[in-house]
């Protein structure tokens, strides 16, 4: 994140607003969806970032795109645009998500396995991680045959590599150092 401090200020303001209206989780879902839509649609991104399009038109575009969104949320987005901060929408969404996760005592975890996990295995992994971390786990799964077996777990900046590939590399190093 390039503008982390600014994004944090906006996210905290929106979070406070969401808490006041009892819709912090809904605001988070709307913000994530909007940030993904803007990032995934170059035409919309070009309009929002263009200096040729007046700020009022950009603000109205956001309001028209979100007719069912709560008014305070739309006003927040319009204030973001009027201050020319629409470029950090994705950063604000990331910080906001972390604030909601902290409030709801949950953590996002990346799980990489050598093969695609079935529902039973996913349930076991999530239960074990919930017990180990003491928080509700929102797991995102990926498969990578290169790890051969075991798992690689990512929690924030920390990585626990319990893959068979890593164990074999460590064994090889030990054998070569003797």
N, C-alpha and C. Protein backbone atom coordinates (compact mmCIF):
# COMPACT_ATOMS: atom_id res chain seq x y z
N UNK A 1 0.83 -1.18 0.00
CA UNK A 1 0.00 0.00 0.00
C UNK A 1 0.87 1.24 0.00
N UNK A 2 0.65 2.09 -0.97
CA UNK A 2 1.45 3.30 -1.09
C UNK A 2 1.00 4.37 -0.11
N UNK A 3 -0.27 4.47 0.11
CA UNK A 3 -0.82 5.53 0.95
C UNK A 3 -1.46 4.92 2.20
N UNK A 4 -0.69 4.15 2.92
CA UNK A 4 -1.23 3.39 4.04
C UNK A 4 -1.85 4.27 5.12
N UNK A 5 -1.17 5.33 5.51
CA UNK A 5 -1.69 6.20 6.58
C UNK A 5 -2.98 6.88 6.16
N UNK A 6 -3.04 7.35 4.94
CA UNK A 6 -4.25 8.01 4.45
C UNK A 6 -5.39 7.01 4.34
N UNK A 7 -5.08 5.82 3.80
CA UNK A 7 -6.10 4.78 3.67
C UNK A 7 -6.62 4.37 5.04
N UNK A 8 -5.71 4.28 6.02
CA UNK A 8 -6.13 3.91 7.38
C UNK A 8 -7.08 4.96 7.95
N UNK A 9 -6.78 6.24 7.74
CA UNK A 9 -7.66 7.31 8.25
C UNK A 9 -9.06 7.20 7.64
N UNK A 10 -9.13 7.00 6.33
CA UNK A 10 -10.44 6.88 5.68
C UNK A 10 -11.16 5.62 6.14
N UNK A 11 -10.43 4.51 6.25
CA UNK A 11 -11.06 3.25 6.68
C UNK A 11 -11.59 3.37 8.10
N UNK A 12 -10.82 3.99 8.98
CA UNK A 12 -11.27 4.17 10.36
C UNK A 12 -12.50 5.07 10.43
N UNK A 13 -12.54 6.11 9.61
CA UNK A 13 -13.71 6.99 9.57
C UNK A 13 -14.94 6.22 9.09
N UNK A 14 -14.79 5.42 8.04
CA UNK A 14 -15.92 4.63 7.54
C UNK A 14 -16.33 3.57 8.56
N UNK A 15 -15.36 2.98 9.23
CA UNK A 15 -15.66 1.97 10.25
C UNK A 15 -16.47 2.58 11.39
N UNK A 16 -16.07 3.76 11.83
CA UNK A 16 -16.81 4.47 12.88
C UNK A 16 -18.23 4.77 12.41
N UNK A 17 -18.35 5.20 11.18
CA UNK A 17 -19.67 5.48 10.59
C UNK A 17 -20.51 4.20 10.55
N UNK A 18 -19.88 3.11 10.13
CA UNK A 18 -20.58 1.82 10.07
C UNK A 18 -21.02 1.35 11.45
N UNK A 19 -20.19 1.55 12.45
CA UNK A 19 -20.52 1.16 13.81
C UNK A 19 -21.71 1.99 14.33
N UNK A 20 -21.72 3.29 14.01
CA UNK A 20 -22.81 4.16 14.46
C UNK A 20 -24.16 3.71 13.88
N UNK A 21 -24.12 3.23 12.65
CA UNK A 21 -25.35 2.80 11.99
C UNK A 21 -25.59 1.29 12.10
N UNK A 22 -24.69 0.58 12.79
CA UNK A 22 -24.85 -0.86 12.98
C UNK A 22 -24.68 -1.67 11.70
N UNK A 23 -23.92 -1.13 10.75
CA UNK A 23 -23.77 -1.81 9.46
C UNK A 23 -22.32 -1.93 9.04
N UNK A 24 -21.42 -2.12 9.99
CA UNK A 24 -20.00 -2.17 9.64
C UNK A 24 -19.69 -3.35 8.71
N UNK A 25 -20.32 -4.50 8.94
CA UNK A 25 -20.06 -5.66 8.07
C UNK A 25 -20.62 -5.40 6.66
N UNK A 26 -21.78 -4.79 6.58
CA UNK A 26 -22.37 -4.49 5.26
C UNK A 26 -21.52 -3.47 4.51
N UNK A 27 -21.05 -2.45 5.21
CA UNK A 27 -20.18 -1.46 4.58
C UNK A 27 -18.92 -2.13 4.03
N UNK A 28 -18.39 -3.08 4.80
CA UNK A 28 -17.20 -3.80 4.37
C UNK A 28 -17.45 -4.58 3.09
N UNK A 29 -18.58 -5.28 3.05
CA UNK A 29 -18.91 -6.06 1.85
C UNK A 29 -19.10 -5.15 0.64
N UNK A 30 -19.78 -4.02 0.84
CA UNK A 30 -19.98 -3.08 -0.25
C UNK A 30 -18.66 -2.48 -0.73
N UNK A 31 -17.81 -2.13 0.21
CA UNK A 31 -16.52 -1.53 -0.12
C UNK A 31 -15.63 -2.52 -0.88
N UNK A 32 -15.60 -3.77 -0.42
CA UNK A 32 -14.81 -4.80 -1.11
C UNK A 32 -15.32 -5.01 -2.53
N UNK A 33 -16.64 -5.10 -2.68
CA UNK A 33 -17.22 -5.32 -4.00
C UNK A 33 -16.93 -4.14 -4.93
N UNK A 34 -17.06 -2.94 -4.41
CA UNK A 34 -16.81 -1.75 -5.22
C UNK A 34 -15.34 -1.67 -5.62
N UNK A 35 -14.44 -1.91 -4.68
CA UNK A 35 -13.00 -1.86 -4.99
C UNK A 35 -12.63 -2.91 -6.03
N UNK A 36 -13.20 -4.11 -5.92
CA UNK A 36 -12.93 -5.17 -6.90
C UNK A 36 -13.50 -4.80 -8.27
N UNK A 37 -14.69 -4.21 -8.28
CA UNK A 37 -15.30 -3.81 -9.55
C UNK A 37 -14.49 -2.72 -10.23
N UNK A 38 -14.04 -1.75 -9.47
CA UNK A 38 -13.23 -0.66 -10.05
C UNK A 38 -11.89 -1.20 -10.54
N UNK A 39 -11.24 -2.03 -9.74
CA UNK A 39 -9.94 -2.57 -10.13
C UNK A 39 -10.06 -3.50 -11.34
N UNK A 40 -11.18 -4.20 -11.44
CA UNK A 40 -11.37 -5.16 -12.53
C UNK A 40 -11.96 -4.58 -13.80
N UNK A 41 -12.32 -3.32 -13.79
CA UNK A 41 -12.92 -2.69 -14.96
C UNK A 41 -12.10 -1.46 -15.35
N UNK A 42 -11.22 -1.62 -16.32
CA UNK A 42 -10.36 -0.50 -16.71
C UNK A 42 -11.12 0.75 -17.15
N UNK A 43 -12.28 0.58 -17.77
CA UNK A 43 -13.05 1.74 -18.23
C UNK A 43 -13.54 2.57 -17.04
N UNK A 44 -14.02 1.91 -15.99
CA UNK A 44 -14.49 2.62 -14.80
C UNK A 44 -13.30 3.28 -14.10
N UNK A 45 -12.20 2.55 -14.02
CA UNK A 45 -11.00 3.09 -13.40
C UNK A 45 -10.51 4.33 -14.15
N UNK A 46 -10.58 4.28 -15.46
CA UNK A 46 -10.13 5.42 -16.28
C UNK A 46 -11.01 6.64 -16.03
N UNK A 47 -12.33 6.43 -15.91
CA UNK A 47 -13.24 7.55 -15.65
C UNK A 47 -12.97 8.14 -14.27
N UNK A 48 -12.82 7.28 -13.26
CA UNK A 48 -12.60 7.78 -11.90
C UNK A 48 -11.26 8.49 -11.74
N UNK A 49 -10.27 8.10 -12.51
CA UNK A 49 -8.95 8.69 -12.37
C UNK A 49 -8.71 9.85 -13.35
N UNK A 50 -9.59 10.03 -14.30
CA UNK A 50 -9.40 11.06 -15.32
C UNK A 50 -9.57 12.48 -14.74
N UNK A 51 -8.62 13.35 -15.01
CA UNK A 51 -8.77 14.74 -14.57
C UNK A 51 -9.78 15.51 -15.43
N UNK A 52 -10.15 14.94 -16.58
CA UNK A 52 -11.11 15.59 -17.47
C UNK A 52 -12.55 15.45 -16.97
N UNK A 53 -12.80 14.43 -16.18
CA UNK A 53 -14.16 14.21 -15.65
C UNK A 53 -14.27 14.98 -14.34
N UNK A 54 -15.25 15.87 -14.25
CA UNK A 54 -15.41 16.67 -13.02
C UNK A 54 -15.69 15.78 -11.80
N UNK A 55 -15.25 16.24 -10.64
CA UNK A 55 -15.43 15.47 -9.41
C UNK A 55 -16.92 15.25 -9.11
N UNK A 56 -17.73 16.21 -9.41
CA UNK A 56 -19.16 16.07 -9.19
C UNK A 56 -19.76 14.95 -10.04
N UNK A 57 -19.29 14.83 -11.27
CA UNK A 57 -19.77 13.76 -12.14
C UNK A 57 -19.32 12.40 -11.64
N UNK A 58 -18.11 12.33 -11.13
CA UNK A 58 -17.60 11.07 -10.56
C UNK A 58 -18.42 10.68 -9.34
N UNK A 59 -18.69 11.65 -8.49
CA UNK A 59 -19.48 11.39 -7.28
C UNK A 59 -20.88 10.92 -7.64
N UNK A 60 -21.47 11.54 -8.66
CA UNK A 60 -22.82 11.14 -9.09
C UNK A 60 -22.79 9.75 -9.72
N UNK A 61 -21.72 9.43 -10.43
CA UNK A 61 -21.56 8.10 -11.02
C UNK A 61 -21.56 7.03 -9.93
N UNK A 62 -20.84 7.28 -8.84
CA UNK A 62 -20.82 6.32 -7.74
C UNK A 62 -22.19 6.19 -7.09
N UNK A 63 -22.87 7.31 -6.91
CA UNK A 63 -24.21 7.27 -6.31
C UNK A 63 -25.18 6.49 -7.19
N UNK A 64 -25.09 6.69 -8.51
CA UNK A 64 -25.97 5.97 -9.44
C UNK A 64 -25.64 4.49 -9.51
N UNK A 65 -24.37 4.15 -9.32
CA UNK A 65 -23.95 2.75 -9.40
C UNK A 65 -24.37 1.96 -8.16
N UNK A 66 -24.63 2.67 -7.07
CA UNK A 66 -25.00 2.00 -5.82
C UNK A 66 -26.36 2.49 -5.31
N UNK A 67 -27.44 2.21 -6.03
CA UNK A 67 -28.74 2.75 -5.63
C UNK A 67 -29.27 2.16 -4.32
N UNK A 68 -28.88 0.94 -3.98
CA UNK A 68 -29.39 0.29 -2.77
C UNK A 68 -28.46 0.45 -1.57
N UNK A 69 -27.33 1.12 -1.76
CA UNK A 69 -26.36 1.30 -0.67
C UNK A 69 -26.89 2.33 0.32
N UNK A 70 -26.53 2.18 1.58
CA UNK A 70 -26.94 3.17 2.59
C UNK A 70 -26.40 4.56 2.25
N UNK A 71 -27.20 5.57 2.53
CA UNK A 71 -26.82 6.94 2.20
C UNK A 71 -25.49 7.36 2.84
N UNK A 72 -25.23 7.05 4.11
CA UNK A 72 -23.94 7.45 4.69
C UNK A 72 -22.74 6.84 3.94
N UNK A 73 -22.91 5.62 3.46
CA UNK A 73 -21.84 4.96 2.71
C UNK A 73 -21.58 5.69 1.40
N UNK A 74 -22.64 6.04 0.69
CA UNK A 74 -22.52 6.76 -0.58
C UNK A 74 -21.90 8.13 -0.35
N UNK A 75 -22.31 8.81 0.71
CA UNK A 75 -21.74 10.12 1.02
C UNK A 75 -20.25 10.01 1.34
N UNK A 76 -19.86 8.93 2.01
CA UNK A 76 -18.44 8.70 2.27
C UNK A 76 -17.68 8.56 0.96
N UNK A 77 -18.20 7.75 0.04
CA UNK A 77 -17.54 7.56 -1.25
C UNK A 77 -17.44 8.87 -2.02
N UNK A 78 -18.50 9.66 -1.97
CA UNK A 78 -18.48 10.94 -2.67
C UNK A 78 -17.45 11.88 -2.05
N UNK A 79 -17.31 11.84 -0.73
CA UNK A 79 -16.28 12.66 -0.07
C UNK A 79 -14.88 12.20 -0.48
N UNK A 80 -14.71 10.89 -0.65
CA UNK A 80 -13.44 10.33 -1.10
C UNK A 80 -13.08 10.87 -2.48
N UNK A 81 -14.07 10.91 -3.36
CA UNK A 81 -13.86 11.40 -4.73
C UNK A 81 -13.60 12.91 -4.73
N UNK A 82 -14.36 13.66 -3.94
CA UNK A 82 -14.19 15.10 -3.91
C UNK A 82 -12.82 15.52 -3.38
N UNK A 83 -12.21 14.64 -2.58
CA UNK A 83 -10.86 14.92 -2.08
C UNK A 83 -9.79 14.26 -2.95
N UNK A 84 -10.22 13.76 -4.10
CA UNK A 84 -9.34 13.15 -5.09
C UNK A 84 -8.58 11.94 -4.53
N UNK A 85 -9.27 11.12 -3.74
CA UNK A 85 -8.66 9.94 -3.12
C UNK A 85 -9.25 8.63 -3.66
N UNK A 86 -9.92 8.68 -4.80
CA UNK A 86 -10.52 7.47 -5.36
C UNK A 86 -9.47 6.44 -5.76
N UNK A 87 -8.24 6.87 -5.95
CA UNK A 87 -7.17 5.95 -6.32
C UNK A 87 -6.75 5.02 -5.20
N UNK A 88 -7.12 5.34 -3.96
CA UNK A 88 -6.75 4.49 -2.83
C UNK A 88 -7.94 3.66 -2.34
N UNK A 89 -8.95 3.53 -3.16
CA UNK A 89 -10.15 2.79 -2.77
C UNK A 89 -9.81 1.36 -2.37
N UNK A 90 -8.94 0.70 -3.13
CA UNK A 90 -8.55 -0.67 -2.81
C UNK A 90 -7.81 -0.73 -1.48
N UNK A 91 -6.93 0.24 -1.22
CA UNK A 91 -6.20 0.28 0.05
C UNK A 91 -7.15 0.50 1.22
N UNK A 92 -8.12 1.38 1.05
CA UNK A 92 -9.12 1.63 2.09
C UNK A 92 -9.90 0.36 2.36
N UNK A 93 -10.26 -0.37 1.31
CA UNK A 93 -11.01 -1.62 1.47
C UNK A 93 -10.19 -2.65 2.25
N UNK A 94 -8.90 -2.73 1.98
CA UNK A 94 -8.05 -3.70 2.70
C UNK A 94 -7.95 -3.35 4.18
N UNK A 95 -7.74 -2.10 4.48
CA UNK A 95 -7.64 -1.68 5.88
C UNK A 95 -8.98 -1.87 6.57
N UNK A 96 -10.07 -1.52 5.90
CA UNK A 96 -11.41 -1.66 6.48
C UNK A 96 -11.68 -3.13 6.80
N UNK A 97 -11.30 -4.02 5.90
CA UNK A 97 -11.50 -5.45 6.12
C UNK A 97 -10.75 -5.91 7.36
N UNK A 98 -9.53 -5.41 7.54
CA UNK A 98 -8.76 -5.80 8.73
C UNK A 98 -9.42 -5.26 10.01
N UNK A 99 -10.03 -4.09 9.95
CA UNK A 99 -10.74 -3.54 11.11
C UNK A 99 -11.96 -4.38 11.47
N UNK A 100 -12.71 -4.79 10.45
CA UNK A 100 -13.89 -5.64 10.68
C UNK A 100 -13.45 -7.00 11.21
N UNK A 101 -12.38 -7.55 10.65
CA UNK A 101 -11.87 -8.84 11.12
C UNK A 101 -11.47 -8.76 12.60
N UNK A 102 -10.81 -7.68 12.99
CA UNK A 102 -10.40 -7.52 14.38
C UNK A 102 -11.62 -7.41 15.29
N UNK A 103 -12.64 -6.69 14.84
CA UNK A 103 -13.85 -6.53 15.63
C UNK A 103 -14.57 -7.87 15.82
N UNK A 104 -14.62 -8.66 14.76
CA UNK A 104 -15.33 -9.94 14.81
C UNK A 104 -14.45 -11.09 15.27
N UNK A 105 -13.22 -10.80 15.70
CA UNK A 105 -12.27 -11.80 16.18
C UNK A 105 -12.06 -12.92 15.16
N UNK A 106 -11.70 -12.52 13.96
CA UNK A 106 -11.43 -13.51 12.93
C UNK A 106 -10.12 -13.16 12.23
N UNK A 107 -9.57 -14.15 11.56
CA UNK A 107 -8.30 -13.98 10.86
C UNK A 107 -8.41 -14.65 9.50
N UNK A 108 -7.76 -14.04 8.51
CA UNK A 108 -7.75 -14.60 7.16
C UNK A 108 -6.47 -15.41 6.99
N UNK A 109 -6.63 -16.61 6.48
CA UNK A 109 -5.53 -17.55 6.38
C UNK A 109 -5.47 -18.10 4.96
N UNK A 110 -4.27 -18.17 4.41
CA UNK A 110 -4.05 -18.81 3.11
C UNK A 110 -3.51 -20.21 3.34
N UNK A 111 -4.16 -21.21 2.76
CA UNK A 111 -3.75 -22.60 2.92
C UNK A 111 -3.41 -23.15 1.55
N UNK A 112 -2.17 -23.61 1.40
CA UNK A 112 -1.75 -24.22 0.14
C UNK A 112 -1.48 -25.70 0.39
N UNK A 113 -2.13 -26.53 -0.40
CA UNK A 113 -1.97 -27.98 -0.31
C UNK A 113 -1.46 -28.50 -1.65
N UNK A 114 -0.99 -29.72 -1.64
CA UNK A 114 -0.48 -30.32 -2.88
C UNK A 114 -1.62 -30.69 -3.83
N UNK A 115 -2.81 -30.82 -3.31
CA UNK A 115 -3.97 -31.19 -4.12
C UNK A 115 -5.19 -30.42 -3.64
N UNK A 116 -6.24 -30.48 -4.39
CA UNK A 116 -7.48 -29.77 -4.05
C UNK A 116 -8.12 -30.43 -2.82
N UNK A 117 -8.47 -29.66 -1.82
CA UNK A 117 -9.04 -30.19 -0.58
C UNK A 117 -10.54 -30.37 -0.71
N UNK A 118 -11.04 -31.49 -0.18
CA UNK A 118 -12.49 -31.71 -0.16
C UNK A 118 -13.08 -31.01 1.06
N UNK A 119 -14.40 -31.03 1.17
CA UNK A 119 -15.09 -30.30 2.23
C UNK A 119 -14.70 -30.81 3.63
N UNK A 120 -14.54 -32.11 3.77
CA UNK A 120 -14.17 -32.67 5.07
C UNK A 120 -12.80 -32.21 5.53
N UNK A 121 -11.84 -32.23 4.64
CA UNK A 121 -10.49 -31.79 4.97
C UNK A 121 -10.47 -30.30 5.29
N UNK A 122 -11.22 -29.53 4.53
CA UNK A 122 -11.30 -28.08 4.80
C UNK A 122 -11.84 -27.82 6.20
N UNK A 123 -12.87 -28.55 6.58
CA UNK A 123 -13.46 -28.39 7.91
C UNK A 123 -12.45 -28.73 8.99
N UNK A 124 -11.69 -29.82 8.80
CA UNK A 124 -10.68 -30.22 9.77
C UNK A 124 -9.58 -29.16 9.89
N UNK A 125 -9.12 -28.66 8.76
CA UNK A 125 -8.06 -27.65 8.77
C UNK A 125 -8.55 -26.39 9.47
N UNK A 126 -9.73 -25.94 9.14
CA UNK A 126 -10.26 -24.71 9.75
C UNK A 126 -10.48 -24.89 11.25
N UNK A 127 -10.95 -26.07 11.68
CA UNK A 127 -11.14 -26.32 13.11
C UNK A 127 -9.80 -26.31 13.84
N UNK A 128 -8.78 -26.93 13.26
CA UNK A 128 -7.46 -26.96 13.89
C UNK A 128 -6.86 -25.56 13.96
N UNK A 129 -7.00 -24.79 12.89
CA UNK A 129 -6.46 -23.43 12.88
C UNK A 129 -7.22 -22.53 13.86
N UNK A 130 -8.52 -22.69 13.95
CA UNK A 130 -9.32 -21.91 14.90
C UNK A 130 -8.87 -22.19 16.32
N UNK A 131 -8.63 -23.46 16.62
CA UNK A 131 -8.17 -23.85 17.96
C UNK A 131 -6.77 -23.30 18.23
N UNK A 132 -5.88 -23.39 17.25
CA UNK A 132 -4.50 -22.94 17.44
C UNK A 132 -4.38 -21.43 17.54
N UNK A 133 -5.16 -20.71 16.74
CA UNK A 133 -5.05 -19.25 16.70
C UNK A 133 -5.98 -18.55 17.68
N UNK A 134 -7.00 -19.23 18.15
CA UNK A 134 -7.94 -18.62 19.08
C UNK A 134 -8.86 -17.60 18.42
N UNK A 135 -8.99 -17.68 17.11
CA UNK A 135 -9.86 -16.77 16.36
C UNK A 135 -10.60 -17.57 15.30
N UNK A 136 -11.72 -17.02 14.86
CA UNK A 136 -12.42 -17.65 13.74
C UNK A 136 -11.55 -17.52 12.50
N UNK A 137 -11.48 -18.57 11.72
CA UNK A 137 -10.61 -18.61 10.57
C UNK A 137 -11.42 -18.48 9.28
N UNK A 138 -10.99 -17.56 8.43
CA UNK A 138 -11.53 -17.44 7.08
C UNK A 138 -10.41 -17.92 6.15
N UNK A 139 -10.53 -19.15 5.70
CA UNK A 139 -9.45 -19.75 4.93
C UNK A 139 -9.69 -19.60 3.43
N UNK A 140 -8.60 -19.37 2.73
CA UNK A 140 -8.59 -19.33 1.27
C UNK A 140 -7.64 -20.44 0.84
N UNK A 141 -8.14 -21.35 0.01
CA UNK A 141 -7.37 -22.53 -0.35
C UNK A 141 -6.79 -22.41 -1.76
N UNK A 142 -5.61 -23.00 -1.90
CA UNK A 142 -4.95 -23.08 -3.21
C UNK A 142 -4.25 -24.44 -3.27
N UNK A 143 -4.02 -24.89 -4.47
CA UNK A 143 -3.28 -26.15 -4.62
C UNK A 143 -2.02 -25.90 -5.44
N UNK A 144 -0.95 -26.57 -5.05
CA UNK A 144 0.33 -26.45 -5.73
C UNK A 144 1.03 -27.80 -5.66
N UNK A 145 1.00 -28.56 -6.74
CA UNK A 145 1.61 -29.90 -6.72
C UNK A 145 3.11 -29.87 -6.41
N UNK A 146 3.77 -28.74 -6.56
CA UNK A 146 5.21 -28.64 -6.32
C UNK A 146 5.57 -28.83 -4.85
N UNK A 147 4.63 -28.65 -3.93
CA UNK A 147 4.97 -28.83 -2.51
C UNK A 147 4.97 -30.30 -2.11
N UNK A 148 4.51 -31.18 -3.00
CA UNK A 148 4.54 -32.64 -2.87
C UNK A 148 3.58 -33.20 -1.82
N UNK A 149 3.43 -32.55 -0.70
CA UNK A 149 2.55 -33.01 0.37
C UNK A 149 2.62 -32.03 1.52
N UNK A 150 1.81 -32.26 2.54
CA UNK A 150 1.78 -31.34 3.67
C UNK A 150 1.04 -30.07 3.31
N UNK A 151 1.40 -28.98 3.98
CA UNK A 151 0.70 -27.72 3.73
C UNK A 151 1.61 -26.53 4.00
N UNK A 152 1.24 -25.41 3.39
CA UNK A 152 1.88 -24.12 3.66
C UNK A 152 0.76 -23.20 4.13
N UNK A 153 0.90 -22.68 5.34
CA UNK A 153 -0.14 -21.85 5.95
C UNK A 153 0.39 -20.42 6.06
N UNK A 154 -0.39 -19.46 5.57
CA UNK A 154 -0.02 -18.04 5.67
C UNK A 154 -1.05 -17.32 6.53
N UNK A 155 -0.56 -16.70 7.60
CA UNK A 155 -1.41 -15.91 8.49
C UNK A 155 -0.77 -14.54 8.56
N UNK A 156 -1.34 -13.58 7.86
CA UNK A 156 -0.74 -12.25 7.80
C UNK A 156 0.62 -12.33 7.13
N UNK A 157 1.65 -11.89 7.82
CA UNK A 157 3.02 -11.91 7.29
C UNK A 157 3.76 -13.19 7.64
N UNK A 158 3.17 -14.02 8.48
CA UNK A 158 3.84 -15.24 8.92
C UNK A 158 3.50 -16.41 8.01
N UNK A 159 4.50 -17.25 7.76
CA UNK A 159 4.32 -18.42 6.92
C UNK A 159 4.82 -19.64 7.69
N UNK A 160 3.96 -20.64 7.78
CA UNK A 160 4.37 -21.91 8.36
C UNK A 160 4.43 -22.92 7.22
N UNK A 161 5.65 -23.32 6.89
CA UNK A 161 5.85 -24.23 5.76
C UNK A 161 6.05 -25.64 6.28
N UNK A 162 5.00 -26.41 6.24
CA UNK A 162 5.05 -27.81 6.67
C UNK A 162 4.98 -28.74 5.47
N UNK A 163 5.48 -28.27 4.34
CA UNK A 163 5.38 -29.06 3.11
C UNK A 163 6.46 -30.15 3.08
N UNK A 164 6.15 -31.21 2.38
CA UNK A 164 7.10 -32.29 2.19
C UNK A 164 8.32 -31.80 1.42
N UNK A 165 8.12 -30.92 0.48
CA UNK A 165 9.22 -30.37 -0.30
C UNK A 165 10.24 -29.69 0.61
N UNK A 166 9.78 -28.86 1.52
CA UNK A 166 10.67 -28.16 2.45
C UNK A 166 11.40 -29.15 3.34
N UNK A 167 10.68 -30.16 3.82
CA UNK A 167 11.32 -31.17 4.68
C UNK A 167 12.41 -31.92 3.93
N UNK A 168 12.17 -32.22 2.67
CA UNK A 168 13.19 -32.91 1.87
C UNK A 168 14.40 -32.00 1.62
N UNK A 169 14.16 -30.74 1.40
CA UNK A 169 15.27 -29.78 1.21
C UNK A 169 16.10 -29.68 2.49
N UNK A 170 15.44 -29.62 3.63
CA UNK A 170 16.15 -29.54 4.91
C UNK A 170 16.95 -30.83 5.16
N UNK A 171 16.37 -31.97 4.84
CA UNK A 171 17.08 -33.25 5.00
C UNK A 171 18.31 -33.29 4.10
N UNK A 172 18.16 -32.83 2.88
CA UNK A 172 19.28 -32.80 1.94
C UNK A 172 20.41 -31.92 2.47
N UNK A 173 20.07 -30.76 3.01
CA UNK A 173 21.07 -29.86 3.57
C UNK A 173 21.81 -30.50 4.73
N UNK A 174 21.06 -31.19 5.58
CA UNK A 174 21.68 -31.86 6.71
C UNK A 174 22.66 -32.94 6.27
N UNK A 175 22.24 -33.70 5.26
CA UNK A 175 23.09 -34.78 4.78
C UNK A 175 24.35 -34.25 4.08
N UNK A 176 24.22 -33.14 3.38
CA UNK A 176 25.37 -32.56 2.69
C UNK A 176 26.34 -31.89 3.65
N UNK A 177 25.87 -31.45 4.80
CA UNK A 177 26.73 -30.77 5.77
C UNK A 177 27.47 -31.74 6.68
N UNK A 178 27.27 -33.00 6.56
CA UNK A 178 27.97 -33.98 7.43
C UNK A 178 29.30 -34.32 6.89
